[in-house]
Amino acid sequence: MDSRARAAFGLLIGAQAAHSVEEYVFRLFDVFGPARFVSSLLSGNPATGFAIANIGVVLVGVWCYLARVRPGHSSARGYAWFWTFLELANGVGHVLLAAGRAGYFPGVATAPLLIGLSAYLGTRLMGTDGVSRG
């Protein structure tokens, strides 16, 4: 992975942190069943459970960046691809949910950051001939 891909990965994790804050502030766990379910597994208080889950997601992303991507570990590319697909799907999902509501859905304001950064990271990970860069 080149330095721009590593930087994009770090920014993507930062965007996920901002996305998690938006989801928490606007109470995604109150309007989205899967978020409510995961939250309930971690705490009797949905807000607390949701915060725990999202802090966990962001901390895993920070670990991936610090322990795998930034130092150029042999597994860095795999982690980067995983997060690329995860965050692209997350961002697109929020946009589709907002479109289905014909209005705001918690997380849609930061979804373009997830989509744009994951698309950029994916292009950095792929060569122009469609083969992964070494």
N, C-alpha and C. Protein backbone atom coordinates (compact mmCIF):
# COMPACT_ATOMS: atom_id res chain seq x y z
N MET A 1 0.84 -1.19 0.00
CA MET A 1 0.00 0.00 0.00
C MET A 1 0.88 1.24 0.00
N ASP A 2 0.50 2.21 -0.80
CA ASP A 2 1.28 3.45 -0.83
C ASP A 2 0.83 4.39 0.29
N SER A 3 1.56 5.48 0.44
CA SER A 3 1.28 6.41 1.55
C SER A 3 -0.11 7.05 1.43
N ARG A 4 -0.56 7.27 0.21
CA ARG A 4 -1.90 7.85 0.04
C ARG A 4 -2.99 6.87 0.45
N ALA A 5 -2.80 5.61 0.17
CA ALA A 5 -3.77 4.59 0.60
C ALA A 5 -3.78 4.49 2.12
N ARG A 6 -2.61 4.53 2.73
CA ARG A 6 -2.55 4.48 4.20
C ARG A 6 -3.25 5.70 4.81
N ALA A 7 -3.01 6.86 4.23
CA ALA A 7 -3.67 8.08 4.72
C ALA A 7 -5.18 8.00 4.53
N ALA A 8 -5.61 7.49 3.38
CA ALA A 8 -7.05 7.35 3.11
C ALA A 8 -7.69 6.39 4.11
N PHE A 9 -6.97 5.34 4.47
CA PHE A 9 -7.49 4.40 5.46
C PHE A 9 -7.68 5.11 6.80
N GLY A 10 -6.68 5.86 7.23
CA GLY A 10 -6.80 6.61 8.48
C GLY A 10 -7.97 7.58 8.45
N LEU A 11 -8.14 8.27 7.34
CA LEU A 11 -9.26 9.20 7.21
C LEU A 11 -10.60 8.47 7.21
N LEU A 12 -10.63 7.29 6.62
CA LEU A 12 -11.86 6.50 6.60
C LEU A 12 -12.27 6.10 8.02
N ILE A 13 -11.31 5.73 8.84
CA ILE A 13 -11.62 5.39 10.23
C ILE A 13 -12.09 6.64 10.97
N GLY A 14 -11.47 7.78 10.70
CA GLY A 14 -11.93 9.04 11.30
C GLY A 14 -13.35 9.37 10.86
N ALA A 15 -13.66 9.12 9.60
CA ALA A 15 -15.02 9.36 9.10
C ALA A 15 -16.02 8.43 9.78
N GLN A 16 -15.60 7.19 10.03
CA GLN A 16 -16.49 6.26 10.75
C GLN A 16 -16.74 6.77 12.17
N ALA A 17 -15.75 7.34 12.80
CA ALA A 17 -15.95 7.91 14.14
C ALA A 17 -16.97 9.04 14.09
N ALA A 18 -16.84 9.93 13.12
CA ALA A 18 -17.81 11.02 12.97
C ALA A 18 -19.20 10.47 12.66
N HIS A 19 -19.26 9.45 11.83
CA HIS A 19 -20.52 8.80 11.47
C HIS A 19 -21.18 8.20 12.71
N SER A 20 -20.39 7.56 13.55
CA SER A 20 -20.91 6.96 14.78
C SER A 20 -21.48 8.03 15.71
N VAL A 21 -20.80 9.17 15.79
CA VAL A 21 -21.30 10.26 16.62
C VAL A 21 -22.64 10.75 16.07
N GLU A 22 -22.74 10.95 14.76
CA GLU A 22 -24.01 11.39 14.17
C GLU A 22 -25.12 10.39 14.48
N GLU A 23 -24.83 9.10 14.31
CA GLU A 23 -25.83 8.08 14.58
C GLU A 23 -26.28 8.11 16.04
N TYR A 24 -25.34 8.33 16.95
CA TYR A 24 -25.67 8.38 18.37
C TYR A 24 -26.51 9.61 18.71
N VAL A 25 -26.04 10.77 18.25
CA VAL A 25 -26.75 12.02 18.56
C VAL A 25 -28.19 11.99 18.04
N PHE A 26 -28.37 11.44 16.87
CA PHE A 26 -29.71 11.41 16.27
C PHE A 26 -30.42 10.07 16.48
N ARG A 27 -29.90 9.27 17.42
CA ARG A 27 -30.53 8.09 17.97
C ARG A 27 -30.94 7.04 16.94
N LEU A 28 -29.98 6.60 16.17
CA LEU A 28 -30.24 5.53 15.20
C LEU A 28 -30.87 4.32 15.89
N PHE A 29 -30.45 4.04 17.09
CA PHE A 29 -30.97 2.88 17.84
C PHE A 29 -32.46 2.97 18.13
N ASP A 30 -33.06 4.15 18.01
CA ASP A 30 -34.50 4.30 18.20
C ASP A 30 -35.30 4.05 16.92
N VAL A 31 -34.64 4.14 15.76
CA VAL A 31 -35.39 4.07 14.49
C VAL A 31 -34.95 2.91 13.59
N PHE A 32 -33.94 2.15 14.00
CA PHE A 32 -33.41 1.08 13.15
C PHE A 32 -33.29 -0.19 13.98
N GLY A 33 -34.13 -1.16 13.69
CA GLY A 33 -34.20 -2.40 14.46
C GLY A 33 -32.87 -3.10 14.70
N PRO A 34 -32.04 -3.31 13.66
CA PRO A 34 -30.77 -3.98 13.90
C PRO A 34 -29.86 -3.23 14.89
N ALA A 35 -29.87 -1.91 14.84
CA ALA A 35 -29.07 -1.12 15.79
C ALA A 35 -29.63 -1.28 17.20
N ARG A 36 -30.93 -1.31 17.31
CA ARG A 36 -31.58 -1.49 18.62
C ARG A 36 -31.25 -2.88 19.17
N PHE A 37 -31.25 -3.90 18.31
CA PHE A 37 -30.95 -5.26 18.73
C PHE A 37 -29.52 -5.37 19.26
N VAL A 38 -28.56 -4.88 18.49
CA VAL A 38 -27.16 -4.94 18.93
C VAL A 38 -26.97 -4.16 20.22
N SER A 39 -27.58 -3.00 20.31
CA SER A 39 -27.49 -2.19 21.53
C SER A 39 -28.02 -2.95 22.73
N SER A 40 -29.12 -3.67 22.55
CA SER A 40 -29.74 -4.41 23.66
C SER A 40 -28.88 -5.57 24.12
N LEU A 41 -28.02 -6.09 23.26
CA LEU A 41 -27.12 -7.17 23.65
C LEU A 41 -26.03 -6.68 24.59
N LEU A 42 -25.72 -5.40 24.52
CA LEU A 42 -24.60 -4.85 25.28
C LEU A 42 -25.02 -4.09 26.54
N SER A 43 -26.28 -3.67 26.60
CA SER A 43 -26.74 -2.92 27.76
C SER A 43 -28.27 -2.88 27.78
N GLY A 44 -28.82 -2.72 28.97
CA GLY A 44 -30.26 -2.53 29.09
C GLY A 44 -30.69 -1.15 28.63
N ASN A 45 -29.75 -0.24 28.54
CA ASN A 45 -30.00 1.12 28.06
C ASN A 45 -29.56 1.18 26.59
N PRO A 46 -30.48 1.38 25.66
CA PRO A 46 -30.10 1.37 24.23
C PRO A 46 -29.00 2.37 23.87
N ALA A 47 -29.03 3.55 24.46
CA ALA A 47 -28.01 4.56 24.15
C ALA A 47 -26.63 4.08 24.60
N THR A 48 -26.56 3.48 25.78
CA THR A 48 -25.29 2.98 26.28
C THR A 48 -24.78 1.82 25.43
N GLY A 49 -25.66 0.88 25.12
CA GLY A 49 -25.28 -0.26 24.29
C GLY A 49 -24.79 0.18 22.92
N PHE A 50 -25.48 1.16 22.35
CA PHE A 50 -25.09 1.67 21.04
C PHE A 50 -23.72 2.33 21.10
N ALA A 51 -23.49 3.11 22.15
CA ALA A 51 -22.19 3.76 22.31
C ALA A 51 -21.09 2.73 22.46
N ILE A 52 -21.32 1.69 23.25
CA ILE A 52 -20.32 0.63 23.44
C ILE A 52 -20.00 -0.03 22.10
N ALA A 53 -21.04 -0.38 21.34
CA ALA A 53 -20.83 -1.04 20.05
C ALA A 53 -20.03 -0.16 19.10
N ASN A 54 -20.38 1.11 19.03
CA ASN A 54 -19.70 2.00 18.09
C ASN A 54 -18.28 2.34 18.52
N ILE A 55 -18.06 2.47 19.82
CA ILE A 55 -16.69 2.67 20.30
C ILE A 55 -15.86 1.45 19.94
N GLY A 56 -16.45 0.28 20.07
CA GLY A 56 -15.75 -0.95 19.69
C GLY A 56 -15.38 -0.97 18.22
N VAL A 57 -16.31 -0.60 17.36
CA VAL A 57 -16.04 -0.57 15.91
C VAL A 57 -14.90 0.39 15.60
N VAL A 58 -14.96 1.58 16.16
CA VAL A 58 -13.91 2.58 15.89
C VAL A 58 -12.57 2.11 16.45
N LEU A 59 -12.56 1.52 17.63
CA LEU A 59 -11.30 1.03 18.20
C LEU A 59 -10.68 -0.08 17.36
N VAL A 60 -11.51 -0.96 16.82
CA VAL A 60 -10.98 -1.99 15.91
C VAL A 60 -10.37 -1.33 14.68
N GLY A 61 -11.03 -0.31 14.16
CA GLY A 61 -10.49 0.41 13.01
C GLY A 61 -9.17 1.10 13.33
N VAL A 62 -9.09 1.71 14.51
CA VAL A 62 -7.83 2.36 14.93
C VAL A 62 -6.74 1.31 15.08
N TRP A 63 -7.07 0.15 15.66
CA TRP A 63 -6.08 -0.92 15.79
C TRP A 63 -5.61 -1.36 14.40
N CYS A 64 -6.54 -1.56 13.48
CA CYS A 64 -6.17 -1.97 12.11
C CYS A 64 -5.19 -0.97 11.50
N TYR A 65 -5.48 0.31 11.71
CA TYR A 65 -4.60 1.33 11.16
C TYR A 65 -3.23 1.30 11.83
N LEU A 66 -3.20 1.33 13.16
CA LEU A 66 -1.93 1.43 13.88
C LEU A 66 -1.09 0.16 13.81
N ALA A 67 -1.73 -1.00 13.84
CA ALA A 67 -0.98 -2.26 13.91
C ALA A 67 -0.79 -2.95 12.56
N ARG A 68 -1.60 -2.61 11.58
CA ARG A 68 -1.51 -3.32 10.30
C ARG A 68 -1.23 -2.38 9.12
N VAL A 69 -2.05 -1.36 8.96
CA VAL A 69 -1.97 -0.53 7.75
C VAL A 69 -0.77 0.42 7.80
N ARG A 70 -0.66 1.22 8.84
CA ARG A 70 0.41 2.22 8.90
C ARG A 70 1.81 1.59 8.83
N PRO A 71 2.06 0.51 9.59
CA PRO A 71 3.41 -0.07 9.51
C PRO A 71 3.65 -0.93 8.27
N GLY A 72 2.62 -1.11 7.44
CA GLY A 72 2.80 -1.89 6.22
C GLY A 72 2.88 -3.39 6.45
N HIS A 73 2.16 -3.90 7.42
CA HIS A 73 2.12 -5.34 7.72
C HIS A 73 1.66 -6.09 6.47
N SER A 74 2.06 -7.34 6.36
CA SER A 74 1.70 -8.13 5.17
C SER A 74 0.19 -8.28 5.01
N SER A 75 -0.57 -8.14 6.09
CA SER A 75 -2.03 -8.26 6.01
C SER A 75 -2.73 -6.93 5.77
N ALA A 76 -1.98 -5.86 5.63
CA ALA A 76 -2.58 -4.51 5.53
C ALA A 76 -3.58 -4.41 4.38
N ARG A 77 -3.24 -4.95 3.25
CA ARG A 77 -4.13 -4.85 2.09
C ARG A 77 -5.47 -5.54 2.35
N GLY A 78 -5.44 -6.67 2.98
CA GLY A 78 -6.68 -7.38 3.30
C GLY A 78 -7.57 -6.59 4.25
N TYR A 79 -6.95 -6.00 5.27
CA TYR A 79 -7.71 -5.16 6.19
C TYR A 79 -8.28 -3.95 5.46
N ALA A 80 -7.49 -3.36 4.60
CA ALA A 80 -7.94 -2.18 3.87
C ALA A 80 -9.12 -2.53 2.96
N TRP A 81 -9.05 -3.66 2.27
CA TRP A 81 -10.18 -4.06 1.43
C TRP A 81 -11.42 -4.34 2.27
N PHE A 82 -11.27 -5.00 3.41
CA PHE A 82 -12.41 -5.27 4.27
C PHE A 82 -13.11 -3.97 4.66
N TRP A 83 -12.33 -3.00 5.15
CA TRP A 83 -12.92 -1.72 5.57
C TRP A 83 -13.47 -0.94 4.39
N THR A 84 -12.85 -1.06 3.22
CA THR A 84 -13.35 -0.38 2.02
C THR A 84 -14.78 -0.86 1.72
N PHE A 85 -14.96 -2.17 1.69
CA PHE A 85 -16.29 -2.71 1.38
C PHE A 85 -17.28 -2.44 2.50
N LEU A 86 -16.85 -2.59 3.74
CA LEU A 86 -17.73 -2.34 4.89
C LEU A 86 -18.25 -0.92 4.89
N GLU A 87 -17.36 0.05 4.73
CA GLU A 87 -17.78 1.46 4.81
C GLU A 87 -18.53 1.91 3.57
N LEU A 88 -18.20 1.35 2.42
CA LEU A 88 -18.98 1.67 1.22
C LEU A 88 -20.42 1.19 1.40
N ALA A 89 -20.58 -0.04 1.88
CA ALA A 89 -21.92 -0.58 2.12
C ALA A 89 -22.65 0.22 3.20
N ASN A 90 -21.94 0.61 4.24
CA ASN A 90 -22.53 1.41 5.32
C ASN A 90 -23.05 2.74 4.77
N GLY A 91 -22.22 3.43 4.02
CA GLY A 91 -22.62 4.72 3.47
C GLY A 91 -23.78 4.61 2.50
N VAL A 92 -23.69 3.67 1.59
CA VAL A 92 -24.77 3.48 0.61
C VAL A 92 -26.06 3.07 1.31
N GLY A 93 -25.96 2.22 2.33
CA GLY A 93 -27.14 1.80 3.08
C GLY A 93 -27.86 2.98 3.71
N HIS A 94 -27.09 3.90 4.30
CA HIS A 94 -27.72 5.08 4.92
C HIS A 94 -28.39 5.97 3.89
N VAL A 95 -27.77 6.13 2.75
CA VAL A 95 -28.38 6.93 1.68
C VAL A 95 -29.68 6.29 1.21
N LEU A 96 -29.68 4.98 1.04
CA LEU A 96 -30.89 4.28 0.60
C LEU A 96 -32.00 4.36 1.64
N LEU A 97 -31.64 4.24 2.91
CA LEU A 97 -32.64 4.35 3.98
C LEU A 97 -33.24 5.77 4.02
N ALA A 98 -32.40 6.76 3.83
CA ALA A 98 -32.91 8.14 3.81
C ALA A 98 -33.81 8.36 2.59
N ALA A 99 -33.41 7.79 1.44
CA ALA A 99 -34.23 7.93 0.24
C ALA A 99 -35.58 7.24 0.44
N GLY A 100 -35.56 6.08 1.09
CA GLY A 100 -36.80 5.36 1.36
C GLY A 100 -37.73 6.12 2.28
N ARG A 101 -37.17 6.90 3.16
CA ARG A 101 -37.96 7.74 4.07
C ARG A 101 -38.33 9.07 3.43
N ALA A 102 -37.67 9.39 2.34
CA ALA A 102 -37.82 10.69 1.69
C ALA A 102 -37.48 11.81 2.67
N GLY A 103 -36.45 11.57 3.47
CA GLY A 103 -36.03 12.57 4.45
C GLY A 103 -34.81 12.09 5.20
N TYR A 104 -34.50 12.79 6.25
CA TYR A 104 -33.31 12.49 7.04
C TYR A 104 -33.41 11.11 7.71
N PHE A 105 -32.29 10.41 7.71
CA PHE A 105 -32.14 9.16 8.45
C PHE A 105 -30.81 9.26 9.18
N PRO A 106 -30.75 8.95 10.48
CA PRO A 106 -29.51 9.11 11.23
C PRO A 106 -28.31 8.45 10.55
N GLY A 107 -27.29 9.24 10.28
CA GLY A 107 -26.08 8.76 9.63
C GLY A 107 -25.93 9.20 8.19
N VAL A 108 -27.00 9.75 7.61
CA VAL A 108 -26.94 10.09 6.18
C VAL A 108 -26.05 11.32 5.92
N ALA A 109 -25.90 12.20 6.88
CA ALA A 109 -25.08 13.40 6.66
C ALA A 109 -23.60 13.05 6.49
N THR A 110 -23.14 12.03 7.20
CA THR A 110 -21.72 11.62 7.08
C THR A 110 -21.53 10.47 6.09
N ALA A 111 -22.61 9.91 5.57
CA ALA A 111 -22.51 8.82 4.61
C ALA A 111 -21.68 9.19 3.38
N PRO A 112 -21.80 10.41 2.83
CA PRO A 112 -20.95 10.74 1.68
C PRO A 112 -19.46 10.67 1.98
N LEU A 113 -19.06 10.96 3.22
CA LEU A 113 -17.64 10.80 3.59
C LEU A 113 -17.23 9.34 3.50
N LEU A 114 -18.07 8.46 4.01
CA LEU A 114 -17.76 7.02 3.95
C LEU A 114 -17.69 6.54 2.51
N ILE A 115 -18.63 6.97 1.71
CA ILE A 115 -18.67 6.55 0.30
C ILE A 115 -17.45 7.09 -0.45
N GLY A 116 -17.19 8.37 -0.31
CA GLY A 116 -16.08 8.98 -1.04
C GLY A 116 -14.72 8.43 -0.62
N LEU A 117 -14.49 8.32 0.68
CA LEU A 117 -13.19 7.82 1.14
C LEU A 117 -13.00 6.34 0.82
N SER A 118 -14.06 5.55 0.94
CA SER A 118 -13.91 4.14 0.61
C SER A 118 -13.70 3.96 -0.89
N ALA A 119 -14.37 4.75 -1.71
CA ALA A 119 -14.15 4.67 -3.16
C ALA A 119 -12.73 5.08 -3.51
N TYR A 120 -12.25 6.13 -2.88
CA TYR A 120 -10.87 6.56 -3.12
C TYR A 120 -9.87 5.50 -2.68
N LEU A 121 -10.09 4.95 -1.49
CA LEU A 121 -9.19 3.91 -1.00
C LEU A 121 -9.20 2.71 -1.95
N GLY A 122 -10.38 2.31 -2.42
CA GLY A 122 -10.45 1.20 -3.37
C GLY A 122 -9.67 1.47 -4.64
N THR A 123 -9.74 2.70 -5.15
CA THR A 123 -8.98 3.03 -6.36
C THR A 123 -7.47 3.02 -6.08
N ARG A 124 -7.06 3.40 -4.88
CA ARG A 124 -5.64 3.37 -4.52
C ARG A 124 -5.16 1.92 -4.40
N LEU A 125 -6.05 1.04 -3.97
CA LEU A 125 -5.67 -0.36 -3.80
C LEU A 125 -5.62 -1.12 -5.13
N MET A 126 -6.30 -0.58 -6.14
CA MET A 126 -6.33 -1.25 -7.45
C MET A 126 -5.47 -0.49 -8.46
N GLY A 127 -4.83 -1.23 -9.31
CA GLY A 127 -4.09 -0.62 -10.40
C GLY A 127 -5.04 -0.31 -11.56
N THR A 128 -4.57 0.42 -12.51
CA THR A 128 -5.40 0.77 -13.67
C THR A 128 -5.76 -0.47 -14.49
N ASP A 129 -4.97 -1.53 -14.37
CA ASP A 129 -5.28 -2.76 -15.12
C ASP A 129 -6.17 -3.71 -14.32
N GLY A 130 -6.64 -3.26 -13.14
CA GLY A 130 -7.54 -4.09 -12.34
C GLY A 130 -6.84 -5.07 -11.44
N VAL A 131 -5.51 -5.01 -11.39
CA VAL A 131 -4.73 -5.92 -10.56
C VAL A 131 -4.28 -5.17 -9.32
N SER A 132 -4.36 -5.81 -8.17
CA SER A 132 -3.93 -5.16 -6.93
C SER A 132 -2.47 -4.76 -7.02
N ARG A 133 -2.20 -3.56 -6.51
CA ARG A 133 -0.81 -3.08 -6.47
C ARG A 133 -0.07 -3.78 -5.36
N GLY A 134 1.21 -3.98 -5.54
CA GLY A 134 2.04 -4.64 -4.52
C GLY A 134 2.67 -3.70 -3.57
